[in-house]
């Protein structure tokens, strides 16, 4: 009787173990939202006359005031300065089957913004969210932004650009090592900058192995379709974009993340959403609140297409110029995506 009781107890235990496993496999993990600690406390907003024109800039990081360094050019000629109040709002949507393909589209020469600056900015967002410099090639990406341009400043430099070097830079280009020079002044000089307010979101998803060999366009289209579904779920829609993309995607994905960030607003939004079809906490981002008049605090948010001038081009000594150029090329290569 004792043996029979033990057998029944064991059988009951096995049944109780098997049943929850089969159910848990059918359950979808809940969506989660994590706030990210965006770096602060460095950089500058420029001066009242020309904003950030002529300031050094570390192009390897965030396209933000935190990446602005010491002034390189000063007393710029008024006749070579363009100032415009764009006051335009526009959406951006770009997708790629992997991060490299996304960057190829971002680097389109007909875009107003510097593709290099934006691409390295997005890599910095990935690093912040995922805590790694490694980018998994199996993920497809969609980048979305709603941008308000408040102003644009450009310096149309010529062959006389070295006449406007600051006295500090003249001294430092001789006395500082390449590493010290880049630490103080960054890698480039800003010559075309936009100020405004922006909300951006980088979406990525990893498709299941059974989709191997599928058409590349299907991957891109499905990634963008999935992104629209998630943006509608977590924000209520895609401001500025009307789409008829079918919500029924052809492929099956395994992982979805949305990295979001705001710039030029009093309320800072920066975080990571691990997205699933189960959203018990009703995660919701209020994008419209960022663009309300009392919340807008415009800042440097974008570099013009030709708005980055390498600092090594401003060094007279041929040997030192080559040393700084070599150091910057290695420095930037370490930050790029292979």
C-alpha atoms as a PDB file:
ATOM      1  CA  UNK A   1       0.000   0.000   0.000  1.00  0.00           C
ATOM      2  CA  UNK A   2       2.856   2.320   0.810  1.00  0.00           C
ATOM      3  CA  UNK A   3       4.516   1.594  -2.570  1.00  0.00           C
ATOM      4  CA  UNK A   4       1.225   2.252  -4.383  1.00  0.00           C
ATOM      5  CA  UNK A   5       0.842   5.598  -2.555  1.00  0.00           C
ATOM      6  CA  UNK A   6       4.361   6.649  -3.535  1.00  0.00           C
ATOM      7  CA  UNK A   7       3.705   5.744  -7.179  1.00  0.00           C
ATOM      8  CA  UNK A   8       0.499   7.791  -7.247  1.00  0.00           C
ATOM      9  CA  UNK A   9       2.292  10.747  -5.630  1.00  0.00           C
ATOM     10  CA  UNK A  10       5.064  10.580  -8.232  1.00  0.00           C
ATOM     11  CA  UNK A  11       2.534  10.354 -11.062  1.00  0.00           C
ATOM     12  CA  UNK A  12       0.676  13.387  -9.715  1.00  0.00           C
ATOM     13  CA  UNK A  13       3.955  15.334  -9.502  1.00  0.00           C
ATOM     14  CA  UNK A  14       4.910  14.525 -13.084  1.00  0.00           C
ATOM     15  CA  UNK A  15       1.496  15.547 -14.392  1.00  0.00           C
ATOM     16  CA  UNK A  16       1.609  18.800 -12.414  1.00  0.00           C
ATOM     17  CA  UNK A  17       5.074  19.560 -13.856  1.00  0.00           C
ATOM     18  CA  UNK A  18       4.192  18.784 -17.459  1.00  0.00           C
ATOM     19  CA  UNK A  19       0.977  20.777 -17.525  1.00  0.00           C
ATOM     20  CA  UNK A  20       2.440  24.196 -16.502  1.00  0.00           C
ATOM     21  CA  UNK A  21       5.313  23.798 -18.983  1.00  0.00           C
ATOM     22  CA  UNK A  22       2.948  23.242 -21.890  1.00  0.00           C
ATOM     23  CA  UNK A  23       0.897  26.231 -20.810  1.00  0.00           C
ATOM     24  CA  UNK A  24       3.909  28.479 -20.272  1.00  0.00           C
ATOM     25  CA  UNK A  25       5.119  27.736 -23.763  1.00  0.00           C
ATOM     26  CA  UNK A  26       1.860  29.165 -25.055  1.00  0.00           C
ATOM     27  CA  UNK A  27       2.028  32.242 -22.871  1.00  0.00           C
ATOM     28  CA  UNK A  28       3.681  35.428 -24.114  1.00  0.00           C
ATOM     29  CA  UNK A  29       6.114  37.177 -21.809  1.00  0.00           C
ATOM     30  CA  UNK A  30       4.894  40.634 -20.764  1.00  0.00           C
ATOM     31  CA  UNK A  31       6.246  43.789 -22.360  1.00  0.00           C
ATOM     32  CA  UNK A  32       8.717  45.628 -20.152  1.00  0.00           C
ATOM     33  CA  UNK A  33       9.947  49.208 -20.140  1.00  0.00           C
ATOM     34  CA  UNK A  34      13.301  50.375 -18.788  1.00  0.00           C
ATOM     35  CA  UNK A  35      14.404  53.990 -18.342  1.00  0.00           C
ATOM     36  CA  UNK A  36      17.922  54.614 -19.614  1.00  0.00           C
ATOM     37  CA  UNK A  37      20.397  56.983 -17.962  1.00  0.00           C
ATOM     38  CA  UNK A  38      21.302  59.383 -20.750  1.00  0.00           C
ATOM     39  CA  UNK A  39      24.728  61.011 -20.209  1.00  0.00           C
ATOM     40  CA  UNK A  40      24.762  64.614 -18.975  1.00  0.00           C
ATOM     41  CA  UNK A  41      27.195  67.137 -17.565  1.00  0.00           C
ATOM     42  CA  UNK A  42      29.516  67.611 -20.536  1.00  0.00           C
ATOM     43  CA  UNK A  43      29.597  69.751 -23.649  1.00  0.00           C
ATOM     44  CA  UNK A  44      28.339  73.256 -24.315  1.00  0.00           C
ATOM     45  CA  UNK A  45      25.436  75.027 -26.001  1.00  0.00           C
ATOM     46  CA  UNK A  46      27.713  77.507 -27.785  1.00  0.00           C
ATOM     47  CA  UNK A  47      27.649  81.301 -27.716  1.00  0.00           C
ATOM     48  CA  UNK A  48      24.958  83.886 -28.409  1.00  0.00           C
ATOM     49  CA  UNK A  49      26.409  85.162 -31.680  1.00  0.00           C
ATOM     50  CA  UNK A  50      27.061  82.060 -33.787  1.00  0.00           C
ATOM     51  CA  UNK A  51      25.730  79.235 -31.639  1.00  0.00           C
ATOM     52  CA  UNK A  52      27.947  76.180 -32.092  1.00  0.00           C
ATOM     53  CA  UNK A  53      29.657  77.239 -35.299  1.00  0.00           C
ATOM     54  CA  UNK A  54      33.415  76.840 -34.947  1.00  0.00           C
ATOM     55  CA  UNK A  55      33.229  74.592 -31.900  1.00  0.00           C
ATOM     56  CA  UNK A  56      35.007  71.254 -31.737  1.00  0.00           C
ATOM     57  CA  UNK A  57      32.848  68.133 -31.834  1.00  0.00           C
ATOM     58  CA  UNK A  58      33.424  64.466 -31.057  1.00  0.00           C
ATOM     59  CA  UNK A  59      31.677  62.887 -34.028  1.00  0.00           C
ATOM     60  CA  UNK A  60      31.984  59.387 -32.565  1.00  0.00           C
ATOM     61  CA  UNK A  61      29.223  59.838 -29.991  1.00  0.00           C
ATOM     62  CA  UNK A  62      25.725  61.244 -29.511  1.00  0.00           C
ATOM     63  CA  UNK A  63      24.652  64.004 -31.878  1.00  0.00           C
ATOM     64  CA  UNK A  64      23.987  66.254 -28.942  1.00  0.00           C
ATOM     65  CA  UNK A  65      25.482  69.168 -27.024  1.00  0.00           C
ATOM     66  CA  UNK A  66      27.204  66.621 -24.754  1.00  0.00           C
ATOM     67  CA  UNK A  67      29.577  65.841 -27.650  1.00  0.00           C
ATOM     68  CA  UNK A  68      30.547  69.482 -28.247  1.00  0.00           C
ATOM     69  CA  UNK A  69      34.066  70.402 -27.198  1.00  0.00           C
ATOM     70  CA  UNK A  70      36.217  73.570 -26.918  1.00  0.00           C
ATOM     71  CA  UNK A  71      36.011  76.348 -29.504  1.00  0.00           C
ATOM     72  CA  UNK A  72      38.389  76.003 -32.457  1.00  0.00           C
ATOM     73  CA  UNK A  73      37.325  78.943 -34.645  1.00  0.00           C
ATOM     74  CA  UNK A  74      36.444  82.420 -33.421  1.00  0.00           C
ATOM     75  CA  UNK A  75      35.650  85.860 -34.832  1.00  0.00           C
ATOM     76  CA  UNK A  76      34.111  84.305 -37.926  1.00  0.00           C
ATOM     77  CA  UNK A  77      33.363  86.744 -40.765  1.00  0.00           C
ATOM     78  CA  UNK A  78      29.709  87.822 -40.735  1.00  0.00           C
ATOM     79  CA  UNK A  79      29.522  87.630 -44.508  1.00  0.00           C
ATOM     80  CA  UNK A  80      30.228  83.899 -44.433  1.00  0.00           C
ATOM     81  CA  UNK A  81      27.574  83.049 -41.833  1.00  0.00           C
ATOM     82  CA  UNK A  82      24.086  81.902 -42.782  1.00  0.00           C
ATOM     83  CA  UNK A  83      21.312  82.022 -40.215  1.00  0.00           C
ATOM     84  CA  UNK A  84      17.848  80.682 -40.924  1.00  0.00           C
ATOM     85  CA  UNK A  85      14.757  79.976 -38.872  1.00  0.00           C
ATOM     86  CA  UNK A  86      13.442  76.828 -40.504  1.00  0.00           C
ATOM     87  CA  UNK A  87      10.459  76.251 -38.207  1.00  0.00           C
ATOM     88  CA  UNK A  88       9.528  73.010 -39.905  1.00  0.00           C
ATOM     89  CA  UNK A  89       8.233  69.705 -38.538  1.00  0.00           C
ATOM     90  CA  UNK A  90       8.795  66.519 -40.485  1.00  0.00           C
ATOM     91  CA  UNK A  91       8.900  62.738 -39.983  1.00  0.00           C
ATOM     92  CA  UNK A  92      11.686  60.322 -40.892  1.00  0.00           C
ATOM     93  CA  UNK A  93      11.294  56.577 -41.468  1.00  0.00           C
ATOM     94  CA  UNK A  94      14.169  54.380 -42.660  1.00  0.00           C
ATOM     95  CA  UNK A  95      14.441  50.558 -42.569  1.00  0.00           C
ATOM     96  CA  UNK A  96      17.153  48.026 -43.266  1.00  0.00           C
ATOM     97  CA  UNK A  97      17.567  44.266 -43.119  1.00  0.00           C
ATOM     98  CA  UNK A  98      20.505  44.798 -40.744  1.00  0.00           C
ATOM     99  CA  UNK A  99      22.199  47.747 -39.083  1.00  0.00           C
ATOM    100  CA  UNK A 100      24.717  48.185 -41.885  1.00  0.00           C
ATOM    101  CA  UNK A 101      21.924  48.335 -44.474  1.00  0.00           C
ATOM    102  CA  UNK A 102      20.118  50.911 -42.339  1.00  0.00           C
ATOM    103  CA  UNK A 103      23.276  53.050 -42.279  1.00  0.00           C
ATOM    104  CA  UNK A 104      23.635  52.783 -46.048  1.00  0.00           C
ATOM    105  CA  UNK A 105      20.237  54.454 -46.407  1.00  0.00           C
ATOM    106  CA  UNK A 106      21.002  57.030 -43.721  1.00  0.00           C
ATOM    107  CA  UNK A 107      24.177  57.969 -45.596  1.00  0.00           C
ATOM    108  CA  UNK A 108      22.177  58.916 -48.698  1.00  0.00           C
ATOM    109  CA  UNK A 109      23.996  62.013 -50.042  1.00  0.00           C
ATOM    110  CA  UNK A 110      20.686  63.747 -50.799  1.00  0.00           C
ATOM    111  CA  UNK A 111      19.709  63.877 -47.126  1.00  0.00           C
ATOM    112  CA  UNK A 112      19.924  67.235 -45.340  1.00  0.00           C
ATOM    113  CA  UNK A 113      21.556  65.707 -42.268  1.00  0.00           C
ATOM    114  CA  UNK A 114      25.016  64.218 -41.951  1.00  0.00           C
ATOM    115  CA  UNK A 115      24.565  60.456 -42.253  1.00  0.00           C
ATOM    116  CA  UNK A 116      27.828  59.817 -40.436  1.00  0.00           C
ATOM    117  CA  UNK A 117      26.793  61.903 -37.432  1.00  0.00           C
ATOM    118  CA  UNK A 118      23.347  60.277 -37.240  1.00  0.00           C
ATOM    119  CA  UNK A 119      24.710  56.760 -37.733  1.00  0.00           C
ATOM    120  CA  UNK A 120      27.209  57.098 -34.888  1.00  0.00           C
ATOM    121  CA  UNK A 121      24.503  58.691 -32.759  1.00  0.00           C
ATOM    122  CA  UNK A 122      22.328  55.605 -33.288  1.00  0.00           C
ATOM    123  CA  UNK A 123      25.211  53.304 -32.443  1.00  0.00           C
ATOM    124  CA  UNK A 124      25.629  55.276 -29.219  1.00  0.00           C
ATOM    125  CA  UNK A 125      21.926  54.699 -28.446  1.00  0.00           C
ATOM    126  CA  UNK A 126      22.387  50.969 -29.010  1.00  0.00           C
ATOM    127  CA  UNK A 127      25.419  50.959 -26.737  1.00  0.00           C
ATOM    128  CA  UNK A 128      23.479  52.807 -24.042  1.00  0.00           C
ATOM    129  CA  UNK A 129      20.499  50.429 -24.241  1.00  0.00           C
ATOM    130  CA  UNK A 130      22.277  47.102 -24.699  1.00  0.00           C
ATOM    131  CA  UNK A 131      25.546  47.836 -22.871  1.00  0.00           C
ATOM    132  CA  UNK A 132      27.716  46.493 -25.686  1.00  0.00           C
ATOM    133  CA  UNK A 133      29.544  47.714 -28.789  1.00  0.00           C
ATOM    134  CA  UNK A 134      28.709  44.480 -30.590  1.00  0.00           C
ATOM    135  CA  UNK A 135      25.832  44.697 -33.079  1.00  0.00           C
ATOM    136  CA  UNK A 136      24.105  41.424 -33.902  1.00  0.00           C
ATOM    137  CA  UNK A 137      23.818  41.128 -37.728  1.00  0.00           C
ATOM    138  CA  UNK A 138      20.710  38.926 -37.407  1.00  0.00           C
ATOM    139  CA  UNK A 139      18.479  41.865 -36.433  1.00  0.00           C
ATOM    140  CA  UNK A 140      16.546  44.060 -38.865  1.00  0.00           C
ATOM    141  CA  UNK A 141      16.074  47.757 -38.016  1.00  0.00           C
ATOM    142  CA  UNK A 142      13.672  50.638 -38.482  1.00  0.00           C
ATOM    143  CA  UNK A 143      14.556  54.207 -37.485  1.00  0.00           C
ATOM    144  CA  UNK A 144      11.754  56.701 -36.904  1.00  0.00           C
ATOM    145  CA  UNK A 145      11.917  60.337 -35.866  1.00  0.00           C
ATOM    146  CA  UNK A 146       9.614  63.319 -35.568  1.00  0.00           C
ATOM    147  CA  UNK A 147      11.755  66.445 -35.813  1.00  0.00           C
ATOM    148  CA  UNK A 148      11.080  70.139 -35.287  1.00  0.00           C
ATOM    149  CA  UNK A 149      13.786  72.376 -36.761  1.00  0.00           C
ATOM    150  CA  UNK A 150      13.880  75.770 -35.057  1.00  0.00           C
ATOM    151  CA  UNK A 151      17.000  77.261 -36.643  1.00  0.00           C
ATOM    152  CA  UNK A 152      20.009  76.545 -38.816  1.00  0.00           C
ATOM    153  CA  UNK A 153      23.452  78.117 -38.725  1.00  0.00           C
ATOM    154  CA  UNK A 154      26.084  77.518 -41.389  1.00  0.00           C
ATOM    155  CA  UNK A 155      29.605  78.813 -41.887  1.00  0.00           C
ATOM    156  CA  UNK A 156      30.595  78.885 -45.561  1.00  0.00           C
ATOM    157  CA  UNK A 157      34.326  78.594 -45.067  1.00  0.00           C
ATOM    158  CA  UNK A 158      36.985  79.164 -47.672  1.00  0.00           C
ATOM    159  CA  UNK A 159      40.740  78.777 -48.049  1.00  0.00           C
ATOM    160  CA  UNK A 160      41.236  81.456 -45.379  1.00  0.00           C
ATOM    161  CA  UNK A 161      39.685  79.310 -42.622  1.00  0.00           C
ATOM    162  CA  UNK A 162      42.945  79.117 -40.653  1.00  0.00           C
ATOM    163  CA  UNK A 163      42.844  82.875 -40.116  1.00  0.00           C
ATOM    164  CA  UNK A 164      40.041  82.331 -37.633  1.00  0.00           C
ATOM    165  CA  UNK A 165      41.724  79.786 -35.376  1.00  0.00           C
ATOM    166  CA  UNK A 166      41.420  80.543 -31.669  1.00  0.00           C
ATOM    167  CA  UNK A 167      44.638  81.397 -29.841  1.00  0.00           C
ATOM    168  CA  UNK A 168      44.128  78.380 -27.572  1.00  0.00           C
ATOM    169  CA  UNK A 169      43.936  75.994 -30.514  1.00  0.00           C
ATOM    170  CA  UNK A 170      47.049  77.512 -32.112  1.00  0.00           C
ATOM    171  CA  UNK A 171      48.988  76.823 -28.926  1.00  0.00           C
ATOM    172  CA  UNK A 172      47.458  73.393 -28.319  1.00  0.00           C
ATOM    173  CA  UNK A 173      48.044  72.045 -31.818  1.00  0.00           C
ATOM    174  CA  UNK A 174      51.756  72.366 -31.081  1.00  0.00           C
ATOM    175  CA  UNK A 175      51.911  71.374 -27.407  1.00  0.00           C
ATOM    176  CA  UNK A 176      49.245  68.653 -27.088  1.00  0.00           C
ATOM    177  CA  UNK A 177      49.532  65.036 -28.224  1.00  0.00           C
ATOM    178  CA  UNK A 178      46.983  63.774 -30.774  1.00  0.00           C
ATOM    179  CA  UNK A 179      45.071  62.028 -27.994  1.00  0.00           C
ATOM    180  CA  UNK A 180      45.031  65.156 -25.821  1.00  0.00           C
ATOM    181  CA  UNK A 181      44.003  67.303 -28.776  1.00  0.00           C
ATOM    182  CA  UNK A 182      41.027  65.052 -29.578  1.00  0.00           C
ATOM    183  CA  UNK A 183      40.066  64.889 -25.912  1.00  0.00           C
ATOM    184  CA  UNK A 184      39.874  68.688 -25.727  1.00  0.00           C
ATOM    185  CA  UNK A 185      38.584  69.578 -29.182  1.00  0.00           C
ATOM    186  CA  UNK A 186      36.994  66.403 -30.522  1.00  0.00           C
ATOM    187  CA  UNK A 187      37.469  65.055 -34.033  1.00  0.00           C
ATOM    188  CA  UNK A 188      35.817  67.756 -36.152  1.00  0.00           C
ATOM    189  CA  UNK A 189      34.723  71.394 -36.221  1.00  0.00           C
ATOM    190  CA  UNK A 190      31.006  72.185 -36.559  1.00  0.00           C
ATOM    191  CA  UNK A 191      30.229  74.292 -39.638  1.00  0.00           C
ATOM    192  CA  UNK A 192      26.518  73.530 -40.212  1.00  0.00           C
ATOM    193  CA  UNK A 193      24.146  72.842 -37.319  1.00  0.00           C
ATOM    194  CA  UNK A 194      20.410  72.581 -36.683  1.00  0.00           C
ATOM    195  CA  UNK A 195      18.622  73.327 -33.419  1.00  0.00           C
ATOM    196  CA  UNK A 196      15.185  72.077 -32.495  1.00  0.00           C
ATOM    197  CA  UNK A 197      13.272  69.284 -30.784  1.00  0.00           C
ATOM    198  CA  UNK A 198      13.256  65.630 -31.739  1.00  0.00           C
ATOM    199  CA  UNK A 199      11.698  62.357 -30.695  1.00  0.00           C
ATOM    200  CA  UNK A 200      13.364  59.293 -32.172  1.00  0.00           C
ATOM    201  CA  UNK A 201      12.919  55.558 -31.919  1.00  0.00           C
ATOM    202  CA  UNK A 202      15.171  52.748 -33.100  1.00  0.00           C
ATOM    203  CA  UNK A 203      13.271  49.479 -33.497  1.00  0.00           C
ATOM    204  CA  UNK A 204      14.896  46.107 -34.042  1.00  0.00           C
ATOM    205  CA  UNK A 205      13.599  42.577 -34.383  1.00  0.00           C
ATOM    206  CA  UNK A 206      15.180  39.191 -34.932  1.00  0.00           C
ATOM    207  CA  UNK A 207      13.413  36.830 -37.297  1.00  0.00           C
ATOM    208  CA  UNK A 208      13.201  33.107 -36.616  1.00  0.00           C
ATOM    209  CA  UNK A 209      15.586  30.661 -38.252  1.00  0.00           C
ATOM    210  CA  UNK A 210      12.804  29.150 -40.341  1.00  0.00           C
ATOM    211  CA  UNK A 211      12.752  32.396 -42.324  1.00  0.00           C
ATOM    212  CA  UNK A 212      16.262  31.725 -43.642  1.00  0.00           C
ATOM    213  CA  UNK A 213      16.479  32.286 -47.351  1.00  0.00           C
ATOM    214  CA  UNK A 214      13.448  34.576 -47.550  1.00  0.00           C
ATOM    215  CA  UNK A 215      13.383  37.603 -49.809  1.00  0.00           C
ATOM    216  CA  UNK A 216      15.352  40.536 -48.380  1.00  0.00           C
ATOM    217  CA  UNK A 217      12.543  42.963 -49.188  1.00  0.00           C
ATOM    218  CA  UNK A 218      10.158  40.838 -47.125  1.00  0.00           C
ATOM    219  CA  UNK A 219      12.483  41.217 -44.135  1.00  0.00           C
ATOM    220  CA  UNK A 220      12.638  45.001 -44.541  1.00  0.00           C
ATOM    221  CA  UNK A 221       8.898  45.383 -45.157  1.00  0.00           C
ATOM    222  CA  UNK A 222       7.942  43.104 -42.273  1.00  0.00           C
ATOM    223  CA  UNK A 223      10.334  44.898 -39.929  1.00  0.00           C
ATOM    224  CA  UNK A 224       8.716  48.204 -40.813  1.00  0.00           C
ATOM    225  CA  UNK A 225       5.228  46.695 -40.517  1.00  0.00           C
ATOM    226  CA  UNK A 226       6.011  45.309 -37.074  1.00  0.00           C
ATOM    227  CA  UNK A 227       7.415  48.690 -36.057  1.00  0.00           C
ATOM    228  CA  UNK A 228       4.212  50.469 -37.067  1.00  0.00           C
ATOM    229  CA  UNK A 229       2.209  47.966 -35.026  1.00  0.00           C
ATOM    230  CA  UNK A 230       4.359  48.566 -31.946  1.00  0.00           C
ATOM    231  CA  UNK A 231       4.443  52.333 -32.318  1.00  0.00           C
ATOM    232  CA  UNK A 232       0.663  52.378 -32.530  1.00  0.00           C
ATOM    233  CA  UNK A 233       0.480  50.175 -29.440  1.00  0.00           C
ATOM    234  CA  UNK A 234       2.923  52.160 -27.293  1.00  0.00           C
ATOM    235  CA  UNK A 235       2.366  55.723 -28.568  1.00  0.00           C
ATOM    236  CA  UNK A 236      -0.993  55.684 -30.319  1.00  0.00           C
ATOM    237  CA  UNK A 237       0.324  56.126 -33.854  1.00  0.00           C
ATOM    238  CA  UNK A 238       3.040  57.548 -36.081  1.00  0.00           C
ATOM    239  CA  UNK A 239       2.808  61.357 -36.034  1.00  0.00           C
ATOM    240  CA  UNK A 240       3.385  62.806 -39.476  1.00  0.00           C
ATOM    241  CA  UNK A 241       3.178  59.507 -41.354  1.00  0.00           C
ATOM    242  CA  UNK A 242       0.134  57.977 -43.042  1.00  0.00           C
ATOM    243  CA  UNK A 243       0.683  54.343 -43.861  1.00  0.00           C
ATOM    244  CA  UNK A 244      -1.319  51.515 -45.369  1.00  0.00           C
ATOM    245  CA  UNK A 245       1.160  48.814 -44.368  1.00  0.00           C
ATOM    246  CA  UNK A 246      -0.579  45.512 -43.663  1.00  0.00           C
ATOM    247  CA  UNK A 247      -0.337  44.590 -39.998  1.00  0.00           C
ATOM    248  CA  UNK A 248      -0.271  40.897 -40.947  1.00  0.00           C
ATOM    249  CA  UNK A 249       3.424  40.261 -41.553  1.00  0.00           C
ATOM    250  CA  UNK A 250       4.674  37.236 -43.478  1.00  0.00           C
ATOM    251  CA  UNK A 251       7.605  36.339 -41.245  1.00  0.00           C
ATOM    252  CA  UNK A 252       7.876  35.299 -37.615  1.00  0.00           C
ATOM    253  CA  UNK A 253      10.069  37.305 -35.263  1.00  0.00           C
ATOM    254  CA  UNK A 254      11.541  36.233 -31.933  1.00  0.00           C
ATOM    255  CA  UNK A 255      12.776  39.447 -30.295  1.00  0.00           C
ATOM    256  CA  UNK A 256      11.615  43.041 -30.505  1.00  0.00           C
ATOM    257  CA  UNK A 257      13.106  46.098 -28.829  1.00  0.00           C
ATOM    258  CA  UNK A 258      12.326  49.788 -29.180  1.00  0.00           C
ATOM    259  CA  UNK A 259      14.958  52.276 -28.035  1.00  0.00           C
ATOM    260  CA  UNK A 260      13.494  55.763 -27.728  1.00  0.00           C
ATOM    261  CA  UNK A 261      15.031  59.146 -27.032  1.00  0.00           C
ATOM    262  CA  UNK A 262      14.032  62.810 -26.981  1.00  0.00           C
ATOM    263  CA  UNK A 263      16.156  65.914 -27.484  1.00  0.00           C
ATOM    264  CA  UNK A 264      15.347  69.584 -27.064  1.00  0.00           C
ATOM    265  CA  UNK A 265      12.546  69.190 -24.531  1.00  0.00           C
ATOM    266  CA  UNK A 266      12.300  70.007 -20.827  1.00  0.00           C
ATOM    267  CA  UNK A 267      10.937  66.527 -20.180  1.00  0.00           C
ATOM    268  CA  UNK A 268      13.557  63.941 -21.111  1.00  0.00           C
ATOM    269  CA  UNK A 269      12.359  60.616 -22.485  1.00  0.00           C
ATOM    270  CA  UNK A 270      14.938  57.888 -22.975  1.00  0.00           C
ATOM    271  CA  UNK A 271      14.356  54.197 -22.519  1.00  0.00           C
ATOM    272  CA  UNK A 272      14.055  50.674 -23.841  1.00  0.00           C
ATOM    273  CA  UNK A 273      10.862  48.704 -24.432  1.00  0.00           C
ATOM    274  CA  UNK A 274      11.085  44.948 -24.753  1.00  0.00           C
ATOM    275  CA  UNK A 275       7.984  44.494 -26.874  1.00  0.00           C
ATOM    276  CA  UNK A 276       5.582  41.564 -26.926  1.00  0.00           C
ATOM    277  CA  UNK A 277       1.863  41.093 -27.586  1.00  0.00           C
ATOM    278  CA  UNK A 278       1.280  41.020 -23.822  1.00  0.00           C
ATOM    279  CA  UNK A 279       1.219  44.543 -22.354  1.00  0.00           C
ATOM    280  CA  UNK A 280      -0.349  44.166 -18.897  1.00  0.00           C
ATOM    281  CA  UNK A 281       1.183  47.412 -17.604  1.00  0.00           C
ATOM    282  CA  UNK A 282      -0.258  49.417 -20.528  1.00  0.00           C
ATOM    283  CA  UNK A 283       3.100  50.949 -21.452  1.00  0.00           C
ATOM    284  CA  UNK A 284       2.446  54.264 -23.186  1.00  0.00           C
ATOM    285  CA  UNK A 285       4.664  57.124 -24.404  1.00  0.00           C
ATOM    286  CA  UNK A 286       3.139  60.569 -24.865  1.00  0.00           C
ATOM    287  CA  UNK A 287       5.079  61.901 -27.858  1.00  0.00           C
ATOM    288  CA  UNK A 288       2.780  64.897 -28.343  1.00  0.00           C
ATOM    289  CA  UNK A 289       3.645  66.232 -24.881  1.00  0.00           C
ATOM    290  CA  UNK A 290       7.250  66.731 -25.990  1.00  0.00           C
ATOM    291  CA  UNK A 291       6.206  69.217 -28.657  1.00  0.00           C
ATOM    292  CA  UNK A 292       3.893  71.337 -26.522  1.00  0.00           C
ATOM    293  CA  UNK A 293       4.965  74.968 -26.365  1.00  0.00           C
ATOM    294  CA  UNK A 294       5.683  74.971 -22.635  1.00  0.00           C
ATOM    295  CA  UNK A 295       7.875  71.872 -22.931  1.00  0.00           C
ATOM    296  CA  UNK A 296      10.004  72.763 -25.956  1.00  0.00           C
ATOM    297  CA  UNK A 297      13.548  73.785 -25.053  1.00  0.00           C
ATOM    298  CA  UNK A 298      15.335  73.676 -28.382  1.00  0.00           C
ATOM    299  CA  UNK A 299      18.936  72.523 -28.577  1.00  0.00           C
ATOM    300  CA  UNK A 300      21.507  71.281 -31.055  1.00  0.00           C
ATOM    301  CA  UNK A 301      20.041  68.100 -32.578  1.00  0.00           C
ATOM    302  CA  UNK A 302      21.562  67.630 -36.015  1.00  0.00           C
ATOM    303  CA  UNK A 303      24.606  68.295 -38.214  1.00  0.00           C
ATOM    304  CA  UNK A 304      24.208  69.403 -41.820  1.00  0.00           C
ATOM    305  CA  UNK A 305      25.323  67.086 -44.633  1.00  0.00           C
ATOM    306  CA  UNK A 306      28.701  68.850 -44.968  1.00  0.00           C
ATOM    307  CA  UNK A 307      28.792  70.284 -41.475  1.00  0.00           C
ATOM    308  CA  UNK A 308      31.838  68.428 -40.112  1.00  0.00           C
ATOM    309  CA  UNK A 309      35.317  69.779 -40.863  1.00  0.00           C
ATOM    310  CA  UNK A 310      38.241  67.546 -39.679  1.00  0.00           C
ATOM    311  CA  UNK A 311      40.408  69.341 -37.126  1.00  0.00           C
ATOM    312  CA  UNK A 312      43.611  67.889 -38.584  1.00  0.00           C
ATOM    313  CA  UNK A 313      43.022  70.005 -41.708  1.00  0.00           C
ATOM    314  CA  UNK A 314      43.618  73.066 -39.528  1.00  0.00           C
ATOM    315  CA  UNK A 315      47.111  72.025 -38.422  1.00  0.00           C
ATOM    316  CA  UNK A 316      49.990  73.655 -40.268  1.00  0.00           C
ATOM    317  CA  UNK A 317      52.826  71.341 -39.302  1.00  0.00           C
ATOM    318  CA  UNK A 318      52.799  68.499 -41.839  1.00  0.00           C
ATOM    319  CA  UNK A 319      54.121  65.861 -39.444  1.00  0.00           C
ATOM    320  CA  UNK A 320      51.743  66.782 -36.632  1.00  0.00           C
ATOM    321  CA  UNK A 321      48.843  66.964 -39.075  1.00  0.00           C
ATOM    322  CA  UNK A 322      49.491  63.392 -40.216  1.00  0.00           C
ATOM    323  CA  UNK A 323      49.832  62.150 -36.622  1.00  0.00           C
ATOM    324  CA  UNK A 324      46.486  63.678 -35.655  1.00  0.00           C
ATOM    325  CA  UNK A 325      44.823  62.400 -38.836  1.00  0.00           C
ATOM    326  CA  UNK A 326      46.065  58.853 -38.200  1.00  0.00           C
ATOM    327  CA  UNK A 327      44.897  58.972 -34.572  1.00  0.00           C
ATOM    328  CA  UNK A 328      41.414  60.286 -35.516  1.00  0.00           C
ATOM    329  CA  UNK A 329      40.972  57.694 -38.266  1.00  0.00           C
ATOM    330  CA  UNK A 330      41.756  54.883 -35.806  1.00  0.00           C
ATOM    331  CA  UNK A 331      39.573  56.511 -33.147  1.00  0.00           C
ATOM    332  CA  UNK A 332      36.610  56.811 -35.526  1.00  0.00           C
ATOM    333  CA  UNK A 333      37.080  53.339 -36.985  1.00  0.00           C
ATOM    334  CA  UNK A 334      36.770  51.849 -33.506  1.00  0.00           C
ATOM    335  CA  UNK A 335      33.350  53.512 -33.206  1.00  0.00           C
ATOM    336  CA  UNK A 336      32.012  52.544 -36.632  1.00  0.00           C
ATOM    337  CA  UNK A 337      29.926  49.532 -37.550  1.00  0.00           C
ATOM    338  CA  UNK A 338      31.624  46.777 -39.525  1.00  0.00           C
END
